[in-house]
Amino acid sequence: MTGRIVGLSNIPTSNHIVLGSGETKYLHCAADIFLTGLYQTDVQGTASCPVCGTIIQVRMTNGKIISLQPSRALLHYVMFPVHDPSKFGIQCDETFLFDEKKCLESWKKSYRGSPGKVVSPKDFLAVFSLIRQRRSMTNF
């Protein structure tokens, strides 16, 4: 279960992962941390809350979240279809990981972007794991 890195960024961002090999990679958004974790044996990810700046850390092994700090973190994501109906994309400039519901609610007061979904990271992974299994997708 090694390979693909989803949302690789050539410039440093507040979302990054450390692979099992020790190599650090920057990603476009927090959702990419979890999606990459579906393809890698061992991933440690870091994101920061866009409201208060709290660092959120996640560790994934074999596609499962082993630890999430703070454990109450919530993910807001916007998904969109692409030209192939069996695939989809994540709108990274509207996708954020929040350290707590209070920050999410504060952010939503001024958010004017596309309608999105708010889920726990574990629920996000469950949904995308099912989609991946059902469609035998190799690309997100």
N, C-alpha and C. Protein backbone atom coordinates (compact mmCIF):
# COMPACT_ATOMS: atom_id res chain seq x y z
N MET A 1 0.84 -1.19 0.00
CA MET A 1 0.00 0.00 0.00
C MET A 1 0.88 1.25 0.00
N THR A 2 1.77 1.32 -0.92
CA THR A 2 2.58 2.52 -1.06
C THR A 2 2.37 3.08 -2.44
N GLY A 3 2.57 4.33 -2.58
CA GLY A 3 2.44 4.89 -3.90
C GLY A 3 1.93 6.30 -3.94
N ARG A 4 0.74 6.43 -4.39
CA ARG A 4 0.16 7.70 -4.77
C ARG A 4 0.12 8.75 -3.65
N ILE A 5 0.44 9.99 -4.05
CA ILE A 5 0.28 11.14 -3.16
C ILE A 5 -0.76 12.04 -3.83
N VAL A 6 -1.85 12.28 -3.13
CA VAL A 6 -2.96 13.08 -3.67
C VAL A 6 -2.72 14.55 -3.33
N GLY A 7 -2.83 15.43 -4.33
CA GLY A 7 -2.76 16.88 -4.10
C GLY A 7 -1.37 17.42 -3.84
N LEU A 8 -0.38 16.81 -4.42
CA LEU A 8 1.00 17.25 -4.21
C LEU A 8 1.19 18.70 -4.65
N SER A 9 1.81 19.50 -3.78
CA SER A 9 2.08 20.91 -4.06
C SER A 9 3.59 21.11 -4.19
N ASN A 10 3.98 21.89 -5.18
CA ASN A 10 5.40 22.19 -5.36
C ASN A 10 5.88 23.33 -4.47
N ILE A 11 4.93 24.00 -3.81
CA ILE A 11 5.30 25.08 -2.90
C ILE A 11 4.86 24.73 -1.48
N PRO A 12 5.56 25.20 -0.47
CA PRO A 12 5.16 24.90 0.91
C PRO A 12 3.77 25.43 1.24
N THR A 13 2.99 24.61 1.93
CA THR A 13 1.64 24.98 2.39
C THR A 13 1.53 24.62 3.87
N SER A 14 0.40 24.95 4.46
CA SER A 14 0.18 24.59 5.87
C SER A 14 -0.27 23.14 6.02
N ASN A 15 -0.42 22.44 4.90
CA ASN A 15 -0.83 21.04 4.91
C ASN A 15 0.33 20.20 4.39
N HIS A 16 0.84 19.35 5.23
CA HIS A 16 1.93 18.51 4.75
C HIS A 16 1.90 17.13 5.41
N ILE A 17 2.61 16.22 4.80
CA ILE A 17 2.70 14.86 5.32
C ILE A 17 4.17 14.46 5.43
N VAL A 18 4.41 13.51 6.30
CA VAL A 18 5.70 12.84 6.37
C VAL A 18 5.41 11.38 6.09
N LEU A 19 6.02 10.86 5.04
CA LEU A 19 5.81 9.48 4.66
C LEU A 19 6.61 8.55 5.56
N GLY A 20 6.31 7.26 5.50
CA GLY A 20 7.04 6.28 6.29
C GLY A 20 8.54 6.31 6.05
N SER A 21 8.94 6.76 4.87
CA SER A 21 10.36 6.87 4.52
C SER A 21 11.04 8.06 5.18
N GLY A 22 10.23 8.95 5.80
CA GLY A 22 10.76 10.16 6.42
C GLY A 22 10.70 11.37 5.50
N GLU A 23 10.28 11.17 4.28
CA GLU A 23 10.20 12.26 3.30
C GLU A 23 8.98 13.15 3.57
N THR A 24 9.18 14.48 3.54
CA THR A 24 8.09 15.44 3.74
C THR A 24 7.57 15.92 2.40
N LYS A 25 6.24 15.97 2.27
CA LYS A 25 5.58 16.45 1.05
C LYS A 25 4.49 17.45 1.44
N TYR A 26 4.41 18.55 0.68
CA TYR A 26 3.35 19.54 0.90
C TYR A 26 2.16 19.21 0.02
N LEU A 27 0.95 19.48 0.55
CA LEU A 27 -0.29 19.17 -0.15
C LEU A 27 -1.14 20.42 -0.27
N HIS A 28 -2.06 20.40 -1.23
CA HIS A 28 -2.91 21.56 -1.48
C HIS A 28 -3.93 21.80 -0.36
N CYS A 29 -4.47 20.75 0.24
CA CYS A 29 -5.46 20.96 1.31
C CYS A 29 -5.47 19.79 2.28
N ALA A 30 -6.16 19.99 3.38
CA ALA A 30 -6.21 18.98 4.44
C ALA A 30 -6.84 17.68 3.95
N ALA A 31 -7.82 17.74 3.05
CA ALA A 31 -8.43 16.52 2.54
C ALA A 31 -7.39 15.63 1.88
N ASP A 32 -6.39 16.25 1.26
CA ASP A 32 -5.34 15.48 0.58
C ASP A 32 -4.53 14.62 1.56
N ILE A 33 -4.43 15.05 2.80
CA ILE A 33 -3.74 14.25 3.82
C ILE A 33 -4.45 12.91 3.96
N PHE A 34 -5.77 12.97 4.11
CA PHE A 34 -6.55 11.75 4.33
C PHE A 34 -6.61 10.89 3.07
N LEU A 35 -6.76 11.52 1.91
CA LEU A 35 -6.81 10.76 0.67
C LEU A 35 -5.48 10.08 0.38
N THR A 36 -4.38 10.77 0.65
CA THR A 36 -3.06 10.16 0.49
C THR A 36 -2.91 8.98 1.45
N GLY A 37 -3.45 9.12 2.64
CA GLY A 37 -3.39 8.03 3.61
C GLY A 37 -4.05 6.75 3.16
N LEU A 38 -4.96 6.84 2.19
CA LEU A 38 -5.57 5.64 1.64
C LEU A 38 -4.59 4.85 0.78
N TYR A 39 -3.55 5.51 0.27
CA TYR A 39 -2.60 4.88 -0.63
C TYR A 39 -1.25 4.55 -0.01
N GLN A 40 -0.98 5.10 1.14
CA GLN A 40 0.34 4.93 1.76
C GLN A 40 0.23 4.00 2.97
N THR A 41 1.30 3.28 3.25
CA THR A 41 1.34 2.39 4.41
C THR A 41 1.36 3.17 5.71
N ASP A 42 2.14 4.25 5.74
CA ASP A 42 2.31 5.02 6.97
C ASP A 42 2.44 6.49 6.62
N VAL A 43 1.54 7.32 7.16
CA VAL A 43 1.54 8.76 6.88
C VAL A 43 1.30 9.53 8.18
N GLN A 44 2.10 10.57 8.39
CA GLN A 44 1.83 11.53 9.45
C GLN A 44 1.52 12.85 8.78
N GLY A 45 0.37 13.43 9.09
CA GLY A 45 -0.04 14.68 8.45
C GLY A 45 -0.22 15.80 9.44
N THR A 46 -0.03 17.02 8.94
CA THR A 46 -0.22 18.21 9.76
C THR A 46 -0.97 19.24 8.95
N ALA A 47 -1.96 19.86 9.59
CA ALA A 47 -2.70 20.97 9.01
C ALA A 47 -2.90 21.99 10.12
N SER A 48 -3.27 23.21 9.75
CA SER A 48 -3.55 24.20 10.79
C SER A 48 -4.95 24.75 10.60
N CYS A 49 -5.63 24.97 11.71
CA CYS A 49 -6.98 25.52 11.69
C CYS A 49 -6.91 26.92 11.06
N PRO A 50 -7.76 27.21 10.06
CA PRO A 50 -7.70 28.51 9.40
C PRO A 50 -8.20 29.67 10.26
N VAL A 51 -8.84 29.35 11.38
CA VAL A 51 -9.38 30.39 12.25
C VAL A 51 -8.40 30.74 13.37
N CYS A 52 -7.97 29.74 14.12
CA CYS A 52 -7.14 30.02 15.30
C CYS A 52 -5.68 29.61 15.14
N GLY A 53 -5.37 28.86 14.07
CA GLY A 53 -3.99 28.45 13.81
C GLY A 53 -3.52 27.22 14.57
N THR A 54 -4.41 26.60 15.35
CA THR A 54 -4.03 25.39 16.07
C THR A 54 -3.55 24.32 15.09
N ILE A 55 -2.46 23.68 15.44
CA ILE A 55 -1.91 22.61 14.62
C ILE A 55 -2.72 21.34 14.86
N ILE A 56 -3.15 20.69 13.79
CA ILE A 56 -3.90 19.45 13.85
C ILE A 56 -3.00 18.37 13.28
N GLN A 57 -2.82 17.30 14.03
CA GLN A 57 -1.94 16.22 13.60
C GLN A 57 -2.72 14.93 13.44
N VAL A 58 -2.39 14.22 12.39
CA VAL A 58 -3.04 12.94 12.12
C VAL A 58 -1.97 11.90 11.78
N ARG A 59 -2.21 10.69 12.20
CA ARG A 59 -1.34 9.57 11.82
C ARG A 59 -2.23 8.49 11.24
N MET A 60 -1.85 8.02 10.05
CA MET A 60 -2.61 6.98 9.39
C MET A 60 -1.70 5.80 9.07
N THR A 61 -2.24 4.61 9.23
CA THR A 61 -1.54 3.40 8.87
C THR A 61 -2.49 2.50 8.10
N ASN A 62 -2.04 2.05 6.94
CA ASN A 62 -2.85 1.16 6.09
C ASN A 62 -4.26 1.69 5.85
N GLY A 63 -4.37 2.99 5.58
CA GLY A 63 -5.66 3.59 5.24
C GLY A 63 -6.57 3.91 6.40
N LYS A 64 -6.09 3.76 7.62
CA LYS A 64 -6.92 4.03 8.80
C LYS A 64 -6.27 5.09 9.68
N ILE A 65 -7.11 5.91 10.29
CA ILE A 65 -6.61 6.92 11.23
C ILE A 65 -6.26 6.23 12.54
N ILE A 66 -5.01 6.36 12.93
CA ILE A 66 -4.52 5.77 14.18
C ILE A 66 -4.61 6.79 15.30
N SER A 67 -4.29 8.05 14.96
CA SER A 67 -4.43 9.12 15.96
C SER A 67 -4.78 10.43 15.25
N LEU A 68 -5.54 11.24 15.96
CA LEU A 68 -5.96 12.56 15.48
C LEU A 68 -5.96 13.48 16.68
N GLN A 69 -5.17 14.54 16.61
CA GLN A 69 -5.06 15.50 17.71
C GLN A 69 -5.25 16.91 17.20
N PRO A 70 -6.21 17.66 17.66
CA PRO A 70 -7.22 17.25 18.63
C PRO A 70 -8.24 16.30 17.99
N SER A 71 -8.76 15.41 18.80
CA SER A 71 -9.67 14.36 18.32
C SER A 71 -11.02 14.92 17.85
N ARG A 72 -11.35 16.14 18.23
CA ARG A 72 -12.63 16.76 17.87
C ARG A 72 -12.58 17.49 16.52
N ALA A 73 -11.47 17.39 15.80
CA ALA A 73 -11.30 18.10 14.52
C ALA A 73 -12.42 17.76 13.54
N LEU A 74 -12.79 18.76 12.74
CA LEU A 74 -13.84 18.61 11.73
C LEU A 74 -13.32 19.09 10.38
N LEU A 75 -13.75 18.41 9.33
CA LEU A 75 -13.33 18.75 7.98
C LEU A 75 -14.50 19.32 7.20
N HIS A 76 -14.31 20.50 6.62
CA HIS A 76 -15.26 21.07 5.67
C HIS A 76 -14.67 20.84 4.29
N TYR A 77 -15.43 20.17 3.40
CA TYR A 77 -14.92 19.94 2.05
C TYR A 77 -16.00 20.19 1.01
N VAL A 78 -15.53 20.55 -0.17
CA VAL A 78 -16.41 20.77 -1.32
C VAL A 78 -15.93 19.82 -2.42
N MET A 79 -16.85 18.99 -2.88
CA MET A 79 -16.55 18.02 -3.93
C MET A 79 -17.21 18.47 -5.22
N PHE A 80 -16.56 18.23 -6.36
CA PHE A 80 -17.15 18.58 -7.64
C PHE A 80 -16.90 17.45 -8.65
N PRO A 81 -17.80 17.30 -9.62
CA PRO A 81 -17.61 16.27 -10.65
C PRO A 81 -16.57 16.74 -11.68
N VAL A 82 -15.95 15.80 -12.33
CA VAL A 82 -15.03 16.10 -13.42
C VAL A 82 -15.56 15.44 -14.69
N HIS A 83 -14.83 15.56 -15.78
CA HIS A 83 -15.33 15.08 -17.08
C HIS A 83 -15.69 13.60 -17.09
N ASP A 84 -15.05 12.80 -16.29
CA ASP A 84 -15.34 11.37 -16.19
C ASP A 84 -16.31 11.16 -15.03
N PRO A 85 -17.54 10.68 -15.28
CA PRO A 85 -18.53 10.58 -14.20
C PRO A 85 -18.15 9.63 -13.07
N SER A 86 -17.14 8.78 -13.29
CA SER A 86 -16.73 7.87 -12.22
C SER A 86 -15.69 8.50 -11.30
N LYS A 87 -15.31 9.74 -11.61
CA LYS A 87 -14.30 10.43 -10.80
C LYS A 87 -14.85 11.75 -10.26
N PHE A 88 -14.13 12.38 -9.38
CA PHE A 88 -14.54 13.63 -8.77
C PHE A 88 -13.31 14.39 -8.33
N GLY A 89 -13.51 15.61 -7.89
CA GLY A 89 -12.42 16.42 -7.38
C GLY A 89 -12.81 17.08 -6.07
N ILE A 90 -11.81 17.54 -5.36
CA ILE A 90 -12.01 18.29 -4.13
C ILE A 90 -11.58 19.73 -4.39
N GLN A 91 -12.44 20.67 -4.07
CA GLN A 91 -12.13 22.09 -4.24
C GLN A 91 -11.29 22.54 -3.06
N CYS A 92 -9.97 22.49 -3.23
CA CYS A 92 -9.06 22.71 -2.09
C CYS A 92 -9.13 24.11 -1.50
N ASP A 93 -9.43 25.12 -2.30
CA ASP A 93 -9.46 26.47 -1.72
C ASP A 93 -10.71 26.70 -0.87
N GLU A 94 -11.59 25.69 -0.79
CA GLU A 94 -12.78 25.77 0.06
C GLU A 94 -12.83 24.59 1.04
N THR A 95 -11.72 23.90 1.20
CA THR A 95 -11.65 22.71 2.05
C THR A 95 -10.65 22.97 3.18
N PHE A 96 -11.14 22.82 4.42
CA PHE A 96 -10.32 23.14 5.59
C PHE A 96 -10.58 22.16 6.72
N LEU A 97 -9.56 21.97 7.54
CA LEU A 97 -9.66 21.16 8.75
C LEU A 97 -9.67 22.12 9.94
N PHE A 98 -10.68 22.01 10.77
CA PHE A 98 -10.85 22.88 11.94
C PHE A 98 -10.57 22.08 13.21
N ASP A 99 -9.95 22.73 14.18
CA ASP A 99 -9.61 22.01 15.41
C ASP A 99 -10.82 21.78 16.31
N GLU A 100 -11.87 22.59 16.14
CA GLU A 100 -13.07 22.40 16.95
C GLU A 100 -14.27 23.07 16.28
N LYS A 101 -15.46 22.69 16.73
CA LYS A 101 -16.70 23.20 16.14
C LYS A 101 -16.81 24.72 16.28
N LYS A 102 -16.31 25.28 17.37
CA LYS A 102 -16.38 26.72 17.58
C LYS A 102 -15.69 27.47 16.45
N CYS A 103 -14.53 27.01 16.03
CA CYS A 103 -13.81 27.65 14.92
C CYS A 103 -14.57 27.47 13.61
N LEU A 104 -15.10 26.28 13.38
CA LEU A 104 -15.90 26.03 12.17
C LEU A 104 -17.08 26.99 12.10
N GLU A 105 -17.81 27.13 13.19
CA GLU A 105 -18.99 28.00 13.23
C GLU A 105 -18.59 29.46 13.00
N SER A 106 -17.50 29.89 13.56
CA SER A 106 -17.00 31.25 13.35
C SER A 106 -16.67 31.48 11.87
N TRP A 107 -15.99 30.53 11.26
CA TRP A 107 -15.60 30.61 9.85
C TRP A 107 -16.82 30.63 8.93
N LYS A 108 -17.83 29.82 9.25
CA LYS A 108 -19.03 29.72 8.41
C LYS A 108 -19.79 31.04 8.34
N LYS A 109 -19.67 31.88 9.35
CA LYS A 109 -20.38 33.16 9.36
C LYS A 109 -19.96 34.06 8.21
N SER A 110 -18.70 33.95 7.77
CA SER A 110 -18.23 34.79 6.67
C SER A 110 -17.96 34.01 5.38
N TYR A 111 -18.17 32.71 5.39
CA TYR A 111 -17.92 31.88 4.21
C TYR A 111 -18.99 32.12 3.15
N ARG A 112 -18.56 32.41 1.94
CA ARG A 112 -19.48 32.66 0.83
C ARG A 112 -19.23 31.74 -0.36
N GLY A 113 -18.50 30.67 -0.12
CA GLY A 113 -18.14 29.76 -1.20
C GLY A 113 -19.23 28.74 -1.51
N SER A 114 -18.84 27.73 -2.24
CA SER A 114 -19.76 26.66 -2.64
C SER A 114 -20.25 25.88 -1.42
N PRO A 115 -21.48 25.36 -1.50
CA PRO A 115 -21.97 24.53 -0.41
C PRO A 115 -21.07 23.31 -0.24
N GLY A 116 -20.74 23.00 0.98
CA GLY A 116 -19.88 21.86 1.24
C GLY A 116 -20.47 20.97 2.31
N LYS A 117 -19.70 20.00 2.71
CA LYS A 117 -20.12 19.08 3.76
C LYS A 117 -19.13 19.22 4.92
N VAL A 118 -19.64 18.97 6.14
CA VAL A 118 -18.80 18.98 7.33
C VAL A 118 -18.90 17.60 7.96
N VAL A 119 -17.74 16.97 8.13
CA VAL A 119 -17.70 15.63 8.69
C VAL A 119 -16.46 15.47 9.56
N SER A 120 -16.46 14.42 10.35
CA SER A 120 -15.23 14.07 11.07
C SER A 120 -14.27 13.47 10.04
N PRO A 121 -12.98 13.55 10.29
CA PRO A 121 -12.04 12.91 9.37
C PRO A 121 -12.30 11.41 9.17
N LYS A 122 -12.71 10.72 10.22
CA LYS A 122 -13.02 9.28 10.08
C LYS A 122 -14.20 9.06 9.14
N ASP A 123 -15.22 9.91 9.23
CA ASP A 123 -16.36 9.78 8.32
C ASP A 123 -15.97 10.12 6.89
N PHE A 124 -15.11 11.13 6.72
CA PHE A 124 -14.60 11.48 5.38
C PHE A 124 -13.89 10.27 4.76
N LEU A 125 -13.03 9.64 5.53
CA LEU A 125 -12.32 8.46 5.03
C LEU A 125 -13.27 7.32 4.70
N ALA A 126 -14.27 7.12 5.53
CA ALA A 126 -15.24 6.05 5.28
C ALA A 126 -15.95 6.25 3.95
N VAL A 127 -16.39 7.47 3.69
CA VAL A 127 -17.08 7.78 2.43
C VAL A 127 -16.17 7.54 1.24
N PHE A 128 -14.96 8.06 1.29
CA PHE A 128 -14.07 7.94 0.15
C PHE A 128 -13.51 6.53 -0.01
N SER A 129 -13.42 5.78 1.06
CA SER A 129 -13.02 4.37 0.96
C SER A 129 -14.09 3.58 0.22
N LEU A 130 -15.35 3.85 0.55
CA LEU A 130 -16.46 3.17 -0.14
C LEU A 130 -16.51 3.53 -1.62
N ILE A 131 -16.36 4.82 -1.91
CA ILE A 131 -16.36 5.24 -3.32
C ILE A 131 -15.23 4.55 -4.06
N ARG A 132 -14.09 4.52 -3.47
CA ARG A 132 -12.93 3.90 -4.10
C ARG A 132 -13.17 2.41 -4.36
N GLN A 133 -13.74 1.72 -3.39
CA GLN A 133 -14.03 0.30 -3.54
C GLN A 133 -15.08 0.05 -4.61
N ARG A 134 -16.15 0.82 -4.57
CA ARG A 134 -17.25 0.61 -5.52
C ARG A 134 -16.86 0.90 -6.96
N ARG A 135 -16.06 1.88 -7.16
CA ARG A 135 -15.71 2.29 -8.52
C ARG A 135 -14.34 1.78 -8.96
N SER A 136 -13.65 1.09 -8.05
CA SER A 136 -12.29 0.64 -8.34
C SER A 136 -11.46 1.77 -8.92
N MET A 137 -11.59 2.94 -8.28
CA MET A 137 -10.93 4.12 -8.79
C MET A 137 -9.44 4.09 -8.52
N THR A 138 -8.69 4.60 -9.46
CA THR A 138 -7.25 4.77 -9.25
C THR A 138 -6.89 6.24 -9.18
N ASN A 139 -7.84 7.10 -9.51
CA ASN A 139 -7.61 8.56 -9.46
C ASN A 139 -8.71 9.23 -8.68
N PHE A 140 -8.33 10.15 -7.84
CA PHE A 140 -9.30 11.01 -7.15
C PHE A 140 -9.31 12.32 -7.86
